[in-house]
């Protein structure tokens, strides 16, 4: 079938896209890191993130790094690495993703195969501009255990329980951290990013010491 095209704000949708074409575009996108690809059974979404999206993405990434450091854990951070499985005909690029509990299972690996290796323990999903595809369903199919999702207004933690995502008040990756805790810090980025990260670190230290 011939691919068809639809255009939306900062987003292009291609229909009837072959898996091989998607994989070729993934390789090409390595030279264009500002493009995010989502693939679901022949439908390909190509999105260009907006500045607000990138701001929250980096802020949450720093929150994760601070928390890992203060908990004295190890981590493998893989950013917006492409995760896909041909048998599912699905793939996506999270805003950020991490191996924490299963860090040792992928330590030093150049190539990670989700047919063999565990999926990331945590992914960050900024949904300022809503995706036309159900990215949560793709995360579920790939088996990502926990998603932090922020739509510009509400921050939620989703955990994979018996094959379905449930909105959970507390992180499983960081058991002392709640969605309300994160939400208290997110609206404050206008005051200065570094100052906010420092304040978050102080809060984490106090929380862990109690």
C-alpha atoms as a PDB file:
ATOM      1  CA  UNK A   1       0.000   0.000   0.000  1.00  0.00           C
ATOM      2  CA  UNK A   2       1.121   3.569  -0.652  1.00  0.00           C
ATOM      3  CA  UNK A   3       1.799   5.730   2.403  1.00  0.00           C
ATOM      4  CA  UNK A   4      -0.613   8.621   2.925  1.00  0.00           C
ATOM      5  CA  UNK A   5       0.150  11.864   4.732  1.00  0.00           C
ATOM      6  CA  UNK A   6      -1.705  14.027   7.259  1.00  0.00           C
ATOM      7  CA  UNK A   7      -0.353  17.279   8.704  1.00  0.00           C
ATOM      8  CA  UNK A   8      -1.040  18.697  12.180  1.00  0.00           C
ATOM      9  CA  UNK A   9       0.587  21.348  14.348  1.00  0.00           C
ATOM     10  CA  UNK A  10       4.270  20.372  14.829  1.00  0.00           C
ATOM     11  CA  UNK A  11       3.292  16.839  13.798  1.00  0.00           C
ATOM     12  CA  UNK A  12       3.098  14.719  10.632  1.00  0.00           C
ATOM     13  CA  UNK A  13       1.144  11.449  10.406  1.00  0.00           C
ATOM     14  CA  UNK A  14       2.017   8.843   7.780  1.00  0.00           C
ATOM     15  CA  UNK A  15      -0.280   5.888   7.126  1.00  0.00           C
ATOM     16  CA  UNK A  16       0.545   2.522   5.541  1.00  0.00           C
ATOM     17  CA  UNK A  17       4.205   2.770   6.492  1.00  0.00           C
ATOM     18  CA  UNK A  18       6.156  -0.498   6.311  1.00  0.00           C
ATOM     19  CA  UNK A  19       8.195  -1.641   9.304  1.00  0.00           C
ATOM     20  CA  UNK A  20      11.375  -1.509   7.209  1.00  0.00           C
ATOM     21  CA  UNK A  21      10.655   2.118   6.304  1.00  0.00           C
ATOM     22  CA  UNK A  22      10.140   3.007   9.954  1.00  0.00           C
ATOM     23  CA  UNK A  23      13.451   1.376  10.887  1.00  0.00           C
ATOM     24  CA  UNK A  24      15.241   3.295   8.131  1.00  0.00           C
ATOM     25  CA  UNK A  25      13.744   6.565   9.395  1.00  0.00           C
ATOM     26  CA  UNK A  26      14.862   5.717  12.939  1.00  0.00           C
ATOM     27  CA  UNK A  27      18.436   5.443  11.703  1.00  0.00           C
ATOM     28  CA  UNK A  28      18.133   8.726   9.796  1.00  0.00           C
ATOM     29  CA  UNK A  29      16.616  10.486  12.807  1.00  0.00           C
ATOM     30  CA  UNK A  30      19.842   9.922  14.740  1.00  0.00           C
ATOM     31  CA  UNK A  31      21.137  12.916  12.783  1.00  0.00           C
ATOM     32  CA  UNK A  32      17.984  14.925  13.608  1.00  0.00           C
ATOM     33  CA  UNK A  33      17.507  14.519  17.375  1.00  0.00           C
ATOM     34  CA  UNK A  34      14.726  17.124  17.423  1.00  0.00           C
ATOM     35  CA  UNK A  35      12.340  14.640  15.756  1.00  0.00           C
ATOM     36  CA  UNK A  36      10.342  12.097  17.789  1.00  0.00           C
ATOM     37  CA  UNK A  37       8.999   9.015  16.008  1.00  0.00           C
ATOM     38  CA  UNK A  38       6.086   6.862  17.173  1.00  0.00           C
ATOM     39  CA  UNK A  39       5.056   3.771  15.206  1.00  0.00           C
ATOM     40  CA  UNK A  40       1.961   1.640  15.661  1.00  0.00           C
ATOM     41  CA  UNK A  41       1.015  -1.049  13.149  1.00  0.00           C
ATOM     42  CA  UNK A  42       1.683   0.934   9.985  1.00  0.00           C
ATOM     43  CA  UNK A  43       0.953   4.435  11.330  1.00  0.00           C
ATOM     44  CA  UNK A  44       3.965   6.684  11.856  1.00  0.00           C
ATOM     45  CA  UNK A  45       3.855   9.952  13.765  1.00  0.00           C
ATOM     46  CA  UNK A  46       6.749  12.402  13.403  1.00  0.00           C
ATOM     47  CA  UNK A  47       6.621  15.133  16.032  1.00  0.00           C
ATOM     48  CA  UNK A  48       8.822  18.174  16.611  1.00  0.00           C
ATOM     49  CA  UNK A  49       8.868  18.986  20.361  1.00  0.00           C
ATOM     50  CA  UNK A  50       8.131  22.569  21.415  1.00  0.00           C
ATOM     51  CA  UNK A  51      10.286  24.578  23.901  1.00  0.00           C
ATOM     52  CA  UNK A  52       7.848  24.041  26.804  1.00  0.00           C
ATOM     53  CA  UNK A  53       8.004  20.295  26.171  1.00  0.00           C
ATOM     54  CA  UNK A  54      11.805  20.298  26.307  1.00  0.00           C
ATOM     55  CA  UNK A  55      11.862  22.410  29.477  1.00  0.00           C
ATOM     56  CA  UNK A  56       9.757  19.964  31.472  1.00  0.00           C
ATOM     57  CA  UNK A  57      11.563  16.977  29.960  1.00  0.00           C
ATOM     58  CA  UNK A  58      14.952  18.199  31.171  1.00  0.00           C
ATOM     59  CA  UNK A  59      13.581  19.286  34.534  1.00  0.00           C
ATOM     60  CA  UNK A  60      12.119  15.863  35.304  1.00  0.00           C
ATOM     61  CA  UNK A  61      15.318  14.241  34.062  1.00  0.00           C
ATOM     62  CA  UNK A  62      17.265  16.290  36.611  1.00  0.00           C
ATOM     63  CA  UNK A  63      14.820  15.324  39.345  1.00  0.00           C
ATOM     64  CA  UNK A  64      15.480  11.658  38.549  1.00  0.00           C
ATOM     65  CA  UNK A  65      19.248  12.187  38.574  1.00  0.00           C
ATOM     66  CA  UNK A  66      19.139  14.012  41.918  1.00  0.00           C
ATOM     67  CA  UNK A  67      16.997  11.273  43.460  1.00  0.00           C
ATOM     68  CA  UNK A  68      19.252   8.476  42.216  1.00  0.00           C
ATOM     69  CA  UNK A  69      22.335  10.262  43.539  1.00  0.00           C
ATOM     70  CA  UNK A  70      20.838  10.956  46.948  1.00  0.00           C
ATOM     71  CA  UNK A  71      19.611   7.354  47.261  1.00  0.00           C
ATOM     72  CA  UNK A  72      23.111   6.155  46.302  1.00  0.00           C
ATOM     73  CA  UNK A  73      21.743   4.000  43.471  1.00  0.00           C
ATOM     74  CA  UNK A  74      23.204   3.137  40.080  1.00  0.00           C
ATOM     75  CA  UNK A  75      21.433   4.044  36.866  1.00  0.00           C
ATOM     76  CA  UNK A  76      21.734   3.763  33.129  1.00  0.00           C
ATOM     77  CA  UNK A  77      20.118   6.726  31.447  1.00  0.00           C
ATOM     78  CA  UNK A  78      19.177   6.225  27.788  1.00  0.00           C
ATOM     79  CA  UNK A  79      17.418   9.497  27.008  1.00  0.00           C
ATOM     80  CA  UNK A  80      15.187   9.333  23.938  1.00  0.00           C
ATOM     81  CA  UNK A  81      16.529   5.989  22.756  1.00  0.00           C
ATOM     82  CA  UNK A  82      14.213   4.235  20.281  1.00  0.00           C
ATOM     83  CA  UNK A  83      12.443   1.178  21.699  1.00  0.00           C
ATOM     84  CA  UNK A  84      10.697  -1.107  19.225  1.00  0.00           C
ATOM     85  CA  UNK A  85       9.677  -4.697  18.601  1.00  0.00           C
ATOM     86  CA  UNK A  86       9.040  -6.024  15.132  1.00  0.00           C
ATOM     87  CA  UNK A  87       6.746  -8.792  16.392  1.00  0.00           C
ATOM     88  CA  UNK A  88       4.461  -6.122  17.878  1.00  0.00           C
ATOM     89  CA  UNK A  89       4.941  -3.679  14.978  1.00  0.00           C
ATOM     90  CA  UNK A  90       5.270  -0.933  17.554  1.00  0.00           C
ATOM     91  CA  UNK A  91       7.947   1.484  18.605  1.00  0.00           C
ATOM     92  CA  UNK A  92       8.498   4.864  20.210  1.00  0.00           C
ATOM     93  CA  UNK A  93      11.044   7.244  21.670  1.00  0.00           C
ATOM     94  CA  UNK A  94      10.367   8.290  25.261  1.00  0.00           C
ATOM     95  CA  UNK A  95      11.319  11.768  26.356  1.00  0.00           C
ATOM     96  CA  UNK A  96      13.703  10.187  28.858  1.00  0.00           C
ATOM     97  CA  UNK A  97      14.143   6.627  30.105  1.00  0.00           C
ATOM     98  CA  UNK A  98      16.190   4.837  32.718  1.00  0.00           C
ATOM     99  CA  UNK A  99      17.328   1.456  33.949  1.00  0.00           C
ATOM    100  CA  UNK A 100      17.589   1.553  37.732  1.00  0.00           C
ATOM    101  CA  UNK A 101      16.367  -1.722  39.256  1.00  0.00           C
ATOM    102  CA  UNK A 102      17.585  -3.605  36.173  1.00  0.00           C
ATOM    103  CA  UNK A 103      20.680  -1.482  35.549  1.00  0.00           C
ATOM    104  CA  UNK A 104      23.061  -4.419  35.982  1.00  0.00           C
ATOM    105  CA  UNK A 105      21.178  -6.412  33.327  1.00  0.00           C
ATOM    106  CA  UNK A 106      22.102  -3.863  30.647  1.00  0.00           C
ATOM    107  CA  UNK A 107      25.342  -2.450  32.058  1.00  0.00           C
ATOM    108  CA  UNK A 108      27.902  -2.041  29.295  1.00  0.00           C
ATOM    109  CA  UNK A 109      25.607  -3.339  26.547  1.00  0.00           C
ATOM    110  CA  UNK A 110      25.904  -1.478  23.254  1.00  0.00           C
ATOM    111  CA  UNK A 111      22.691  -3.009  21.902  1.00  0.00           C
ATOM    112  CA  UNK A 112      19.624  -3.769  24.003  1.00  0.00           C
ATOM    113  CA  UNK A 113      17.035  -6.143  22.535  1.00  0.00           C
ATOM    114  CA  UNK A 114      13.613  -6.038  24.202  1.00  0.00           C
ATOM    115  CA  UNK A 115      12.966  -9.585  23.011  1.00  0.00           C
ATOM    116  CA  UNK A 116      15.765 -10.671  25.361  1.00  0.00           C
ATOM    117  CA  UNK A 117      16.567  -7.828  27.736  1.00  0.00           C
ATOM    118  CA  UNK A 118      14.230  -6.176  30.266  1.00  0.00           C
ATOM    119  CA  UNK A 119      12.558  -2.899  29.234  1.00  0.00           C
ATOM    120  CA  UNK A 120      13.470   0.353  31.018  1.00  0.00           C
ATOM    121  CA  UNK A 121      12.260   0.668  34.595  1.00  0.00           C
ATOM    122  CA  UNK A 122      11.098   4.259  34.176  1.00  0.00           C
ATOM    123  CA  UNK A 123      10.140   6.524  31.281  1.00  0.00           C
ATOM    124  CA  UNK A 124       9.201  10.198  31.198  1.00  0.00           C
ATOM    125  CA  UNK A 125       6.349  11.265  28.933  1.00  0.00           C
ATOM    126  CA  UNK A 126       5.703  14.978  28.385  1.00  0.00           C
ATOM    127  CA  UNK A 127       2.370  15.385  26.635  1.00  0.00           C
ATOM    128  CA  UNK A 128       2.098  19.145  26.173  1.00  0.00           C
ATOM    129  CA  UNK A 129       1.017  18.586  22.564  1.00  0.00           C
ATOM    130  CA  UNK A 130      -1.095  15.442  22.612  1.00  0.00           C
ATOM    131  CA  UNK A 131       0.118  12.609  20.435  1.00  0.00           C
ATOM    132  CA  UNK A 132      -2.301  11.329  17.810  1.00  0.00           C
ATOM    133  CA  UNK A 133      -1.270   7.775  18.740  1.00  0.00           C
ATOM    134  CA  UNK A 134      -1.873   5.962  22.009  1.00  0.00           C
ATOM    135  CA  UNK A 135       1.687   6.027  23.300  1.00  0.00           C
ATOM    136  CA  UNK A 136       0.672   4.546  26.661  1.00  0.00           C
ATOM    137  CA  UNK A 137      -0.586   1.448  24.841  1.00  0.00           C
ATOM    138  CA  UNK A 138       2.802   1.119  23.148  1.00  0.00           C
ATOM    139  CA  UNK A 139       4.625   1.505  26.464  1.00  0.00           C
ATOM    140  CA  UNK A 140       2.336  -1.198  27.850  1.00  0.00           C
ATOM    141  CA  UNK A 141       3.107  -3.550  24.973  1.00  0.00           C
ATOM    142  CA  UNK A 142       6.839  -2.976  25.446  1.00  0.00           C
ATOM    143  CA  UNK A 143       6.494  -3.620  29.192  1.00  0.00           C
ATOM    144  CA  UNK A 144       7.865  -0.368  30.665  1.00  0.00           C
ATOM    145  CA  UNK A 145       7.091  -0.683  34.368  1.00  0.00           C
ATOM    146  CA  UNK A 146       6.599   2.972  35.342  1.00  0.00           C
ATOM    147  CA  UNK A 147       5.710   6.142  33.418  1.00  0.00           C
ATOM    148  CA  UNK A 148       5.924   9.700  34.702  1.00  0.00           C
ATOM    149  CA  UNK A 149       3.502  11.727  32.604  1.00  0.00           C
ATOM    150  CA  UNK A 150       3.011  15.502  32.622  1.00  0.00           C
ATOM    151  CA  UNK A 151       0.582  17.346  30.346  1.00  0.00           C
ATOM    152  CA  UNK A 152       1.518  20.863  31.385  1.00  0.00           C
ATOM    153  CA  UNK A 153      -1.116  20.920  34.131  1.00  0.00           C
ATOM    154  CA  UNK A 154      -1.178  17.556  35.883  1.00  0.00           C
ATOM    155  CA  UNK A 155       1.655  15.164  36.798  1.00  0.00           C
ATOM    156  CA  UNK A 156       0.814  11.479  37.221  1.00  0.00           C
ATOM    157  CA  UNK A 157       2.696   8.283  37.973  1.00  0.00           C
ATOM    158  CA  UNK A 158       1.529   5.201  36.099  1.00  0.00           C
ATOM    159  CA  UNK A 159       2.595   1.677  37.017  1.00  0.00           C
ATOM    160  CA  UNK A 160       2.116  -1.470  34.976  1.00  0.00           C
ATOM    161  CA  UNK A 161      -0.059  -3.816  37.039  1.00  0.00           C
ATOM    162  CA  UNK A 162      -1.274  -7.095  35.521  1.00  0.00           C
ATOM    163  CA  UNK A 163      -0.765  -5.788  32.007  1.00  0.00           C
ATOM    164  CA  UNK A 164      -2.516  -2.432  32.492  1.00  0.00           C
ATOM    165  CA  UNK A 165      -1.334   0.994  33.632  1.00  0.00           C
ATOM    166  CA  UNK A 166      -2.758   2.242  36.897  1.00  0.00           C
ATOM    167  CA  UNK A 167      -2.568   5.795  38.205  1.00  0.00           C
ATOM    168  CA  UNK A 168      -0.574   5.404  41.432  1.00  0.00           C
ATOM    169  CA  UNK A 169       0.109   8.106  44.027  1.00  0.00           C
ATOM    170  CA  UNK A 170       3.578   6.773  44.913  1.00  0.00           C
ATOM    171  CA  UNK A 171       6.518   5.821  42.694  1.00  0.00           C
ATOM    172  CA  UNK A 172       7.641   2.191  42.814  1.00  0.00           C
ATOM    173  CA  UNK A 173      11.108   3.133  41.572  1.00  0.00           C
ATOM    174  CA  UNK A 174      11.502   5.757  44.336  1.00  0.00           C
ATOM    175  CA  UNK A 175       9.098   4.613  47.099  1.00  0.00           C
ATOM    176  CA  UNK A 176       9.253   7.858  49.123  1.00  0.00           C
ATOM    177  CA  UNK A 177       8.295  10.026  46.140  1.00  0.00           C
ATOM    178  CA  UNK A 178       4.665  10.873  45.375  1.00  0.00           C
ATOM    179  CA  UNK A 179       3.046  12.539  42.389  1.00  0.00           C
ATOM    180  CA  UNK A 180       2.026  15.407  44.688  1.00  0.00           C
ATOM    181  CA  UNK A 181       5.658  15.903  45.711  1.00  0.00           C
ATOM    182  CA  UNK A 182       6.752  16.294  42.076  1.00  0.00           C
ATOM    183  CA  UNK A 183       3.781  18.484  41.223  1.00  0.00           C
ATOM    184  CA  UNK A 184       4.754  20.950  43.954  1.00  0.00           C
ATOM    185  CA  UNK A 185       8.034  21.660  42.162  1.00  0.00           C
ATOM    186  CA  UNK A 186       6.986  21.680  38.502  1.00  0.00           C
ATOM    187  CA  UNK A 187       5.203  25.071  38.393  1.00  0.00           C
ATOM    188  CA  UNK A 188       8.236  26.759  39.942  1.00  0.00           C
ATOM    189  CA  UNK A 189      10.643  26.510  36.977  1.00  0.00           C
ATOM    190  CA  UNK A 190       9.991  30.167  36.040  1.00  0.00           C
ATOM    191  CA  UNK A 191      12.049  31.139  39.080  1.00  0.00           C
ATOM    192  CA  UNK A 192      15.267  29.627  37.708  1.00  0.00           C
ATOM    193  CA  UNK A 193      16.038  26.051  36.705  1.00  0.00           C
ATOM    194  CA  UNK A 194      19.254  25.583  38.707  1.00  0.00           C
ATOM    195  CA  UNK A 195      17.732  27.117  41.840  1.00  0.00           C
ATOM    196  CA  UNK A 196      14.761  24.761  41.509  1.00  0.00           C
ATOM    197  CA  UNK A 197      16.947  21.672  41.120  1.00  0.00           C
ATOM    198  CA  UNK A 198      18.961  22.728  44.175  1.00  0.00           C
ATOM    199  CA  UNK A 199      15.743  23.164  46.162  1.00  0.00           C
ATOM    200  CA  UNK A 200      14.585  19.729  45.030  1.00  0.00           C
ATOM    201  CA  UNK A 201      17.880  18.188  46.166  1.00  0.00           C
ATOM    202  CA  UNK A 202      17.525  19.771  49.620  1.00  0.00           C
ATOM    203  CA  UNK A 203      13.972  18.418  49.851  1.00  0.00           C
ATOM    204  CA  UNK A 204      15.071  14.902  48.825  1.00  0.00           C
ATOM    205  CA  UNK A 205      17.856  14.894  51.414  1.00  0.00           C
ATOM    206  CA  UNK A 206      15.425  15.934  54.139  1.00  0.00           C
ATOM    207  CA  UNK A 207      12.896  13.321  53.034  1.00  0.00           C
ATOM    208  CA  UNK A 208      15.478  10.523  53.061  1.00  0.00           C
ATOM    209  CA  UNK A 209      16.804  11.544  56.479  1.00  0.00           C
ATOM    210  CA  UNK A 210      13.422  11.241  58.188  1.00  0.00           C
END
